[in-house]
Amino acid sequence: MLAGFTVATSPETGNKLTRAEPLAAQCNVGNVCVVRAAWNDAYLDELRAFDSGRHDDMVDASSRAYAAIAIARVPGAGFLDYARQQLAAHRARVIDGPHP
C-alpha cells in the first residue's frame, strides 16, 4: 500500500491524553484549520468525543503529526522540510525520469 513512499515510525511515550493536549490547546484558540472534505464530520466527532469516545486513531495520528511539526526547530528536520524534499524527489522522478 505504501510502496514508493518513505515511512518513518517512532515509539510513543506517555498516555494518549497527555500527547493530545498540545494539539487540543491550539485547536481551542483557533490555530488549527481542517481542509473541507467528506471525512470532516467523522474526524471532528472523534476529536470532540476524545477521551471517552469509542475511537481515537485519528486523534492519535493528529497529535503525532502536530508534535512532529511543533518540535521541528532545526532547518531541514521538520515536517514541511520533509514534505518539500518528498515533492522535489517526486518531481525529479516524474519530470527528469527516464525518457523513452
N, C-alpha and C. Protein backbone atom coordinates (compact mmCIF):
# COMPACT_ATOMS: atom_id res chain seq x y z
N MET A 1 0.81 -1.18 0.00
CA MET A 1 0.00 0.00 0.00
C MET A 1 0.87 1.26 0.00
N LEU A 2 1.99 1.25 0.68
CA LEU A 2 2.85 2.42 0.74
C LEU A 2 4.11 2.26 -0.09
N ALA A 3 4.09 1.34 -1.04
CA ALA A 3 5.26 1.14 -1.89
C ALA A 3 5.61 2.44 -2.60
N GLY A 4 6.88 2.79 -2.57
CA GLY A 4 7.33 4.01 -3.21
C GLY A 4 7.33 5.23 -2.31
N PHE A 5 6.85 5.10 -1.08
CA PHE A 5 6.82 6.20 -0.14
C PHE A 5 7.80 5.94 0.99
N THR A 6 8.38 7.00 1.51
CA THR A 6 9.25 6.89 2.67
C THR A 6 8.36 6.96 3.91
N VAL A 7 8.51 6.01 4.80
CA VAL A 7 7.70 5.97 6.01
C VAL A 7 8.62 6.02 7.21
N ALA A 8 8.28 6.85 8.17
CA ALA A 8 9.05 6.94 9.41
C ALA A 8 8.15 6.55 10.57
N THR A 9 8.67 5.81 11.49
CA THR A 9 7.92 5.43 12.68
C THR A 9 8.69 5.85 13.91
N SER A 10 7.97 5.95 15.01
CA SER A 10 8.63 6.27 16.27
C SER A 10 7.79 5.71 17.40
N PRO A 11 8.43 5.28 18.46
CA PRO A 11 7.66 4.77 19.60
C PRO A 11 6.96 5.93 20.32
N GLU A 12 5.78 5.67 20.80
CA GLU A 12 5.06 6.68 21.57
C GLU A 12 5.34 6.48 23.06
N THR A 13 5.40 7.59 23.78
CA THR A 13 5.59 7.52 25.22
C THR A 13 4.49 8.32 25.89
N GLY A 14 4.20 8.01 27.13
CA GLY A 14 3.17 8.73 27.85
C GLY A 14 1.78 8.28 27.44
N ASN A 15 0.78 8.84 28.10
CA ASN A 15 -0.58 8.44 27.76
C ASN A 15 -1.16 9.30 26.64
N LYS A 16 -2.21 8.82 26.02
CA LYS A 16 -2.80 9.48 24.85
C LYS A 16 -3.32 10.87 25.18
N LEU A 17 -3.92 11.02 26.34
CA LEU A 17 -4.47 12.31 26.72
C LEU A 17 -3.37 13.36 26.82
N THR A 18 -2.26 13.01 27.43
CA THR A 18 -1.13 13.93 27.55
C THR A 18 -0.58 14.29 26.18
N ARG A 19 -0.47 13.30 25.29
CA ARG A 19 0.05 13.57 23.95
C ARG A 19 -0.90 14.45 23.13
N ALA A 20 -2.20 14.38 23.41
CA ALA A 20 -3.18 15.16 22.65
C ALA A 20 -3.31 16.61 23.15
N GLU A 21 -2.85 16.91 24.35
CA GLU A 21 -3.05 18.23 24.94
C GLU A 21 -2.46 19.38 24.12
N PRO A 22 -1.23 19.28 23.58
CA PRO A 22 -0.72 20.42 22.80
C PRO A 22 -1.57 20.74 21.57
N LEU A 23 -2.01 19.72 20.85
CA LEU A 23 -2.87 19.94 19.70
C LEU A 23 -4.22 20.51 20.14
N ALA A 24 -4.79 19.97 21.21
CA ALA A 24 -6.07 20.46 21.71
C ALA A 24 -5.99 21.94 22.09
N ALA A 25 -4.89 22.33 22.71
CA ALA A 25 -4.72 23.73 23.08
C ALA A 25 -4.73 24.64 21.85
N GLN A 26 -4.05 24.21 20.78
CA GLN A 26 -4.01 25.01 19.56
C GLN A 26 -5.38 25.03 18.87
N CYS A 27 -6.10 23.92 18.93
CA CYS A 27 -7.47 23.89 18.39
C CYS A 27 -8.37 24.86 19.15
N ASN A 28 -8.25 24.85 20.46
CA ASN A 28 -9.11 25.68 21.31
C ASN A 28 -8.91 27.17 21.11
N VAL A 29 -7.74 27.58 20.64
CA VAL A 29 -7.51 29.02 20.40
C VAL A 29 -7.62 29.37 18.93
N GLY A 30 -8.07 28.43 18.11
CA GLY A 30 -8.33 28.71 16.71
C GLY A 30 -7.13 28.68 15.79
N ASN A 31 -6.06 28.00 16.20
CA ASN A 31 -4.85 27.95 15.38
C ASN A 31 -4.76 26.72 14.49
N VAL A 32 -5.83 25.93 14.41
CA VAL A 32 -5.81 24.72 13.59
C VAL A 32 -6.95 24.81 12.57
N CYS A 33 -6.61 24.55 11.33
CA CYS A 33 -7.60 24.53 10.25
C CYS A 33 -7.68 23.13 9.69
N VAL A 34 -8.84 22.76 9.21
CA VAL A 34 -9.06 21.45 8.61
C VAL A 34 -9.55 21.68 7.19
N VAL A 35 -8.93 21.01 6.25
CA VAL A 35 -9.34 21.10 4.86
C VAL A 35 -10.75 20.51 4.73
N ARG A 36 -11.63 21.24 4.07
CA ARG A 36 -13.01 20.76 3.92
C ARG A 36 -13.02 19.51 3.04
N ALA A 37 -13.60 18.43 3.58
CA ALA A 37 -13.64 17.16 2.85
C ALA A 37 -14.75 16.29 3.43
N ALA A 38 -15.04 15.20 2.75
CA ALA A 38 -16.12 14.31 3.15
C ALA A 38 -15.89 13.68 4.53
N TRP A 39 -14.64 13.57 4.96
CA TRP A 39 -14.32 12.91 6.22
C TRP A 39 -14.40 13.85 7.43
N ASN A 40 -14.69 15.13 7.22
CA ASN A 40 -14.66 16.10 8.31
C ASN A 40 -15.57 15.76 9.48
N ASP A 41 -16.82 15.35 9.20
CA ASP A 41 -17.75 15.07 10.30
C ASP A 41 -17.23 13.96 11.19
N ALA A 42 -16.76 12.87 10.60
CA ALA A 42 -16.24 11.75 11.40
C ALA A 42 -15.00 12.18 12.19
N TYR A 43 -14.14 12.96 11.55
CA TYR A 43 -12.92 13.44 12.21
C TYR A 43 -13.24 14.34 13.39
N LEU A 44 -14.09 15.33 13.17
CA LEU A 44 -14.43 16.27 14.24
C LEU A 44 -15.22 15.59 15.35
N ASP A 45 -16.09 14.63 15.00
CA ASP A 45 -16.81 13.88 16.02
C ASP A 45 -15.83 13.11 16.91
N GLU A 46 -14.80 12.51 16.30
CA GLU A 46 -13.81 11.77 17.10
C GLU A 46 -13.03 12.71 18.00
N LEU A 47 -12.64 13.88 17.47
CA LEU A 47 -11.93 14.84 18.31
C LEU A 47 -12.78 15.28 19.49
N ARG A 48 -14.06 15.56 19.23
CA ARG A 48 -14.96 16.01 20.31
C ARG A 48 -15.18 14.92 21.36
N ALA A 49 -15.24 13.66 20.94
CA ALA A 49 -15.53 12.56 21.86
C ALA A 49 -14.30 12.09 22.63
N PHE A 50 -13.11 12.49 22.21
CA PHE A 50 -11.89 12.04 22.88
C PHE A 50 -11.89 12.56 24.30
N ASP A 51 -11.69 11.88 25.21
CA ASP A 51 -11.05 10.67 25.56
C ASP A 51 -12.03 9.63 26.05
N SER A 52 -13.32 9.92 25.85
CA SER A 52 -14.32 8.93 26.28
C SER A 52 -15.00 8.27 25.09
N GLY A 53 -14.60 8.62 23.88
CA GLY A 53 -15.21 8.04 22.68
C GLY A 53 -14.73 6.63 22.40
N ARG A 54 -15.39 6.01 21.44
CA ARG A 54 -15.07 4.62 21.10
C ARG A 54 -13.77 4.52 20.30
N HIS A 55 -13.49 5.53 19.49
CA HIS A 55 -12.31 5.50 18.62
C HIS A 55 -11.38 6.67 18.95
N ASP A 56 -10.09 6.46 18.70
CA ASP A 56 -9.14 7.55 18.94
C ASP A 56 -7.98 7.54 17.96
N ASP A 57 -8.07 6.74 16.90
CA ASP A 57 -6.96 6.64 15.95
C ASP A 57 -6.65 7.96 15.27
N MET A 58 -7.69 8.71 14.88
CA MET A 58 -7.45 9.98 14.21
C MET A 58 -6.88 11.02 15.17
N VAL A 59 -7.28 10.95 16.44
CA VAL A 59 -6.70 11.83 17.45
C VAL A 59 -5.22 11.51 17.62
N ASP A 60 -4.90 10.22 17.71
CA ASP A 60 -3.50 9.81 17.85
C ASP A 60 -2.67 10.29 16.67
N ALA A 61 -3.17 10.07 15.47
CA ALA A 61 -2.43 10.47 14.27
C ALA A 61 -2.26 11.99 14.22
N SER A 62 -3.30 12.72 14.55
CA SER A 62 -3.23 14.18 14.51
C SER A 62 -2.28 14.72 15.57
N SER A 63 -2.33 14.13 16.76
CA SER A 63 -1.43 14.55 17.84
C SER A 63 0.02 14.30 17.46
N ARG A 64 0.28 13.16 16.84
CA ARG A 64 1.66 12.83 16.43
C ARG A 64 2.13 13.76 15.33
N ALA A 65 1.24 14.03 14.38
CA ALA A 65 1.61 14.95 13.29
C ALA A 65 1.88 16.35 13.85
N TYR A 66 1.05 16.81 14.77
CA TYR A 66 1.27 18.13 15.37
C TYR A 66 2.60 18.15 16.12
N ALA A 67 2.88 17.10 16.87
CA ALA A 67 4.15 17.04 17.61
C ALA A 67 5.33 17.09 16.66
N ALA A 68 5.24 16.39 15.54
CA ALA A 68 6.34 16.38 14.57
C ALA A 68 6.58 17.78 14.01
N ILE A 69 5.50 18.51 13.77
CA ILE A 69 5.63 19.88 13.25
C ILE A 69 6.13 20.82 14.34
N ALA A 70 5.56 20.71 15.53
CA ALA A 70 5.87 21.65 16.61
C ALA A 70 7.30 21.53 17.12
N ILE A 71 7.86 20.32 17.12
CA ILE A 71 9.20 20.17 17.68
C ILE A 71 10.30 20.39 16.65
N ALA A 72 9.92 20.61 15.42
CA ALA A 72 10.91 20.81 14.36
C ALA A 72 11.51 22.21 14.48
N ARG A 73 12.64 22.30 15.11
CA ARG A 73 13.30 23.58 15.31
C ARG A 73 14.57 23.70 14.46
N VAL A 74 15.05 22.58 13.96
CA VAL A 74 16.28 22.56 13.18
C VAL A 74 15.92 22.60 11.70
N PRO A 75 16.45 23.55 10.93
CA PRO A 75 16.13 23.58 9.50
C PRO A 75 16.46 22.24 8.85
N GLY A 76 15.54 21.78 8.04
CA GLY A 76 15.74 20.51 7.36
C GLY A 76 15.24 19.31 8.15
N ALA A 77 14.79 19.53 9.39
CA ALA A 77 14.36 18.40 10.22
C ALA A 77 12.86 18.39 10.45
N GLY A 78 12.15 19.39 9.95
CA GLY A 78 10.72 19.48 10.22
C GLY A 78 9.87 18.83 9.16
N PHE A 79 8.59 18.72 9.46
CA PHE A 79 7.65 18.09 8.55
C PHE A 79 7.58 18.81 7.21
N LEU A 80 7.53 20.14 7.25
CA LEU A 80 7.42 20.88 5.99
C LEU A 80 8.67 20.70 5.14
N ASP A 81 9.83 20.67 5.77
CA ASP A 81 11.06 20.40 5.03
C ASP A 81 11.02 19.00 4.43
N TYR A 82 10.54 18.05 5.21
CA TYR A 82 10.41 16.68 4.72
C TYR A 82 9.46 16.63 3.52
N ALA A 83 8.31 17.31 3.64
CA ALA A 83 7.34 17.32 2.54
C ALA A 83 7.94 17.96 1.29
N ARG A 84 8.69 19.04 1.47
CA ARG A 84 9.34 19.67 0.32
C ARG A 84 10.34 18.72 -0.35
N GLN A 85 11.09 18.01 0.46
CA GLN A 85 12.06 17.05 -0.08
C GLN A 85 11.35 15.94 -0.84
N GLN A 86 10.24 15.44 -0.29
CA GLN A 86 9.49 14.39 -0.97
C GLN A 86 8.91 14.89 -2.29
N LEU A 87 8.39 16.12 -2.29
CA LEU A 87 7.84 16.69 -3.52
C LEU A 87 8.93 16.87 -4.57
N ALA A 88 10.08 17.36 -4.16
CA ALA A 88 11.20 17.54 -5.10
C ALA A 88 11.63 16.20 -5.67
N ALA A 89 11.69 15.18 -4.83
CA ALA A 89 12.08 13.85 -5.31
C ALA A 89 11.04 13.30 -6.28
N HIS A 90 9.77 13.52 -5.98
CA HIS A 90 8.70 13.07 -6.87
C HIS A 90 8.78 13.78 -8.21
N ARG A 91 8.96 15.08 -8.16
CA ARG A 91 9.07 15.85 -9.41
C ARG A 91 10.27 15.39 -10.23
N ALA A 92 11.35 15.10 -9.57
CA ALA A 92 12.54 14.62 -10.28
C ALA A 92 12.26 13.30 -10.98
N ARG A 93 11.54 12.42 -10.31
CA ARG A 93 11.18 11.14 -10.94
C ARG A 93 10.24 11.33 -12.11
N VAL A 94 9.27 12.23 -11.96
CA VAL A 94 8.26 12.44 -13.00
C VAL A 94 8.82 13.25 -14.16
N ILE A 95 9.51 14.34 -13.85
CA ILE A 95 9.99 15.25 -14.89
C ILE A 95 11.32 14.82 -15.46
N ASP A 96 12.24 14.46 -14.59
CA ASP A 96 13.60 14.14 -15.04
C ASP A 96 13.85 12.65 -15.17
N GLY A 97 12.81 11.86 -14.97
CA GLY A 97 12.96 10.40 -15.03
C GLY A 97 13.34 9.92 -16.42
N PRO A 98 13.37 8.62 -16.58
CA PRO A 98 13.78 8.04 -17.87
C PRO A 98 12.84 8.50 -18.98
N HIS A 99 13.43 8.78 -20.10
CA HIS A 99 12.65 9.19 -21.27
C HIS A 99 12.72 8.08 -22.31
N PRO A 100 11.58 7.77 -22.94
CA PRO A 100 11.57 6.68 -23.94
C PRO A 100 12.40 7.00 -25.16
